[in-house]
C-alpha atoms as a PDB file:
ATOM      1  CA  MET A   1     -11.847  -2.115 -14.048  1.00  0.00           C
ATOM      2  CA  THR A   2      -9.364  -4.617 -12.663  1.00  0.00           C
ATOM      3  CA  PRO A   3     -10.622  -7.221 -10.178  1.00  0.00           C
ATOM      4  CA  PHE A   4      -8.659  -5.960  -7.167  1.00  0.00           C
ATOM      5  CA  LEU A   5      -9.985  -2.437  -7.710  1.00  0.00           C
ATOM      6  CA  GLY A   6     -13.532  -3.681  -8.272  1.00  0.00           C
ATOM      7  CA  LYS A   7     -13.884  -4.598  -4.597  1.00  0.00           C
ATOM      8  CA  GLU A   8     -13.807  -0.864  -3.756  1.00  0.00           C
ATOM      9  CA  LYS A   9     -13.292  -1.588  -0.037  1.00  0.00           C
ATOM     10  CA  TRP A  10     -10.694   1.150   0.172  1.00  0.00           C
ATOM     11  CA  PHE A  11     -13.043   3.681  -1.448  1.00  0.00           C
ATOM     12  CA  ARG A  12     -15.640   3.483   1.291  1.00  0.00           C
ATOM     13  CA  SER A  13     -13.542   2.426   4.231  1.00  0.00           C
ATOM     14  CA  ASN A  14     -13.089   4.611   7.281  1.00  0.00           C
ATOM     15  CA  ARG A  15      -9.484   3.363   7.399  1.00  0.00           C
ATOM     16  CA  PRO A  16      -6.736   5.127   5.453  1.00  0.00           C
ATOM     17  CA  PRO A  17      -6.177   3.511   2.036  1.00  0.00           C
ATOM     18  CA  THR A  18      -2.532   2.830   2.911  1.00  0.00           C
ATOM     19  CA  SER A  19      -3.726   0.271   5.500  1.00  0.00           C
ATOM     20  CA  ILE A  20      -4.965  -2.116   2.786  1.00  0.00           C
ATOM     21  CA  PRO A  21      -2.221  -4.141   1.063  1.00  0.00           C
ATOM     22  CA  ILE A  22      -2.388  -5.223  -2.593  1.00  0.00           C
ATOM     23  CA  SER A  23      -0.107  -8.137  -3.444  1.00  0.00           C
ATOM     24  CA  LYS A  24       2.286  -8.252  -6.379  1.00  0.00           C
ATOM     25  CA  GLY A  25       0.691 -11.521  -7.505  1.00  0.00           C
ATOM     26  CA  ASP A  26      -2.777  -9.935  -7.670  1.00  0.00           C
ATOM     27  CA  LEU A  27      -1.426  -7.023  -9.692  1.00  0.00           C
ATOM     28  CA  LEU A  28       0.573  -9.200 -12.118  1.00  0.00           C
ATOM     29  CA  HIS A  29      -2.420 -11.470 -12.684  1.00  0.00           C
ATOM     30  CA  SER A  30      -5.006  -8.685 -12.964  1.00  0.00           C
ATOM     31  CA  LEU A  31      -2.944  -6.510 -15.290  1.00  0.00           C
ATOM     32  CA  SER A  32      -1.266  -9.306 -17.309  1.00  0.00           C
ATOM     33  CA  VAL A  33       2.140  -7.614 -17.277  1.00  0.00           C
ATOM     34  CA  ASN A  34       5.637  -9.021 -16.902  1.00  0.00           C
ATOM     35  CA  GLU A  35       7.825  -8.237 -13.886  1.00  0.00           C
ATOM     36  CA  SER A  36       9.974  -5.671 -15.683  1.00  0.00           C
ATOM     37  CA  ASP A  37       6.921  -3.644 -16.737  1.00  0.00           C
ATOM     38  CA  TYR A  38       5.475  -4.091 -13.234  1.00  0.00           C
ATOM     39  CA  TRP A  39       8.605  -2.654 -11.569  1.00  0.00           C
ATOM     40  CA  GLU A  40       8.591   0.370 -13.908  1.00  0.00           C
ATOM     41  CA  ALA A  41       4.877   0.958 -13.305  1.00  0.00           C
ATOM     42  CA  VAL A  42       5.301   0.722  -9.527  1.00  0.00           C
ATOM     43  CA  ASP A  43       8.202   3.174  -9.610  1.00  0.00           C
ATOM     44  CA  ASN A  44       6.131   5.650 -11.638  1.00  0.00           C
ATOM     45  CA  LEU A  45       3.027   5.290  -9.441  1.00  0.00           C
ATOM     46  CA  CYS A  46       5.163   5.846  -6.335  1.00  0.00           C
ATOM     47  CA  ARG A  47       6.962   8.783  -7.946  1.00  0.00           C
ATOM     48  CA  LEU A  48       3.589  10.400  -8.671  1.00  0.00           C
ATOM     49  CA  GLY A  49       2.381   9.725  -5.131  1.00  0.00           C
ATOM     50  CA  LEU A  50      -0.459   7.445  -6.272  1.00  0.00           C
ATOM     51  CA  ALA A  51       0.882   4.269  -4.621  1.00  0.00           C
ATOM     52  CA  ASP A  52       3.468   3.282  -2.042  1.00  0.00           C
ATOM     53  CA  SER A  53       5.091   0.196  -0.598  1.00  0.00           C
ATOM     54  CA  TYR A  54       2.819  -1.301   2.034  1.00  0.00           C
ATOM     55  CA  PHE A  55       4.257  -1.476   5.529  1.00  0.00           C
ATOM     56  CA  GLU A  56       2.971  -2.579   8.888  1.00  0.00           C
ATOM     57  CA  GLU A  57       3.648  -0.788  12.121  1.00  0.00           C
ATOM     58  CA  GLY A  58       3.918  -2.336  15.529  1.00  0.00           C
ATOM     59  CA  SER A  59       5.246  -1.333  18.874  1.00  0.00           C
ATOM     60  CA  ILE A  60       8.168  -2.523  20.917  1.00  0.00           C
ATOM     61  CA  ASP A  61       8.471  -2.273  24.669  1.00  0.00           C
ATOM     62  CA  PHE A  62      11.806  -1.541  26.238  1.00  0.00           C
ATOM     63  CA  GLU A  63      13.278  -0.588  29.553  1.00  0.00           C
ATOM     64  CA  ALA A  64      14.958   2.781  29.976  1.00  0.00           C
ATOM     65  CA  GLY A  65      16.354   3.085  33.459  1.00  0.00           C
ATOM     66  CA  ASP A  66      13.452   2.589  35.867  1.00  0.00           C
ATOM     67  CA  ASN A  67      10.802   3.167  33.176  1.00  0.00           C
ATOM     68  CA  TYR A  68       9.179   0.864  30.646  1.00  0.00           C
ATOM     69  CA  LEU A  69       8.517   2.616  27.351  1.00  0.00           C
ATOM     70  CA  SER A  70       6.760   1.693  24.112  1.00  0.00           C
ATOM     71  CA  GLU A  71       7.722   2.921  20.668  1.00  0.00           C
ATOM     72  CA  ASP A  72       6.039   2.480  17.273  1.00  0.00           C
ATOM     73  CA  VAL A  73       8.263   0.907  14.628  1.00  0.00           C
ATOM     74  CA  VAL A  74       7.932  -0.507  11.106  1.00  0.00           C
ATOM     75  CA  ILE A  75       7.766  -4.285  11.471  1.00  0.00           C
ATOM     76  CA  SER A  76       7.231  -5.235   7.819  1.00  0.00           C
ATOM     77  CA  HIS A  77       7.993  -3.429   4.561  1.00  0.00           C
ATOM     78  CA  GLY A  78       6.427  -4.700   1.335  1.00  0.00           C
ATOM     79  CA  GLY A  79       8.862  -3.297  -1.223  1.00  0.00           C
ATOM     80  CA  TYR A  80       7.667  -4.337  -4.691  1.00  0.00           C
ATOM     81  CA  ASP A  81       5.837  -7.386  -3.288  1.00  0.00           C
ATOM     82  CA  SER A  82       3.068  -5.576  -1.450  1.00  0.00           C
ATOM     83  CA  LEU A  83       1.719  -2.149  -2.382  1.00  0.00           C
ATOM     84  CA  CYS A  84      -0.991   0.167  -1.173  1.00  0.00           C
ATOM     85  CA  ILE A  85      -2.816   2.980  -2.839  1.00  0.00           C
ATOM     86  CA  THR A  86      -2.477   6.459  -1.328  1.00  0.00           C
ATOM     87  CA  ALA A  87      -5.258   8.966  -0.660  1.00  0.00           C
ATOM     88  CA  LEU A  88      -4.127  10.813  -3.793  1.00  0.00           C
ATOM     89  CA  GLY A  89      -4.326   7.505  -5.686  1.00  0.00           C
ATOM     90  CA  VAL A  90      -7.901   6.943  -4.487  1.00  0.00           C
ATOM     91  CA  ALA A  91      -8.870  10.449  -5.632  1.00  0.00           C
ATOM     92  CA  PHE A  92      -7.212   9.827  -9.006  1.00  0.00           C
ATOM     93  CA  VAL A  93      -9.097   6.536  -9.532  1.00  0.00           C
ATOM     94  CA  LYS A  94     -12.394   8.177  -8.541  1.00  0.00           C
ATOM     95  CA  VAL A  95     -11.880  11.019 -11.024  1.00  0.00           C
ATOM     96  CA  CYS A  96     -11.041   8.534 -13.796  1.00  0.00           C
ATOM     97  CA  ASN A  97     -14.058   6.302 -13.071  1.00  0.00           C
ATOM     98  CA  TYR A  98     -16.839   8.828 -12.463  1.00  0.00           C
END
């Protein structure tokens, strides 16, 4: 099992697994792959729904006429540099490990 998966925080967490980022550097180091192979692997994991680009949400406040409103927006998108595992990915890892 790779070191970043060995922590298993996202297995037992009450937060959704997509809220826990995994950095590109951790993945490259743990898996000992080059960037080209990494990009292909990420594309395939995302295509299968097992992983996704990590993103953070925040809210912005704005004035609309006499009202102040708040809206949730994406404030950071990880692209290839920061990934997260999906709920389907967690289930897949559990099936493969148990």
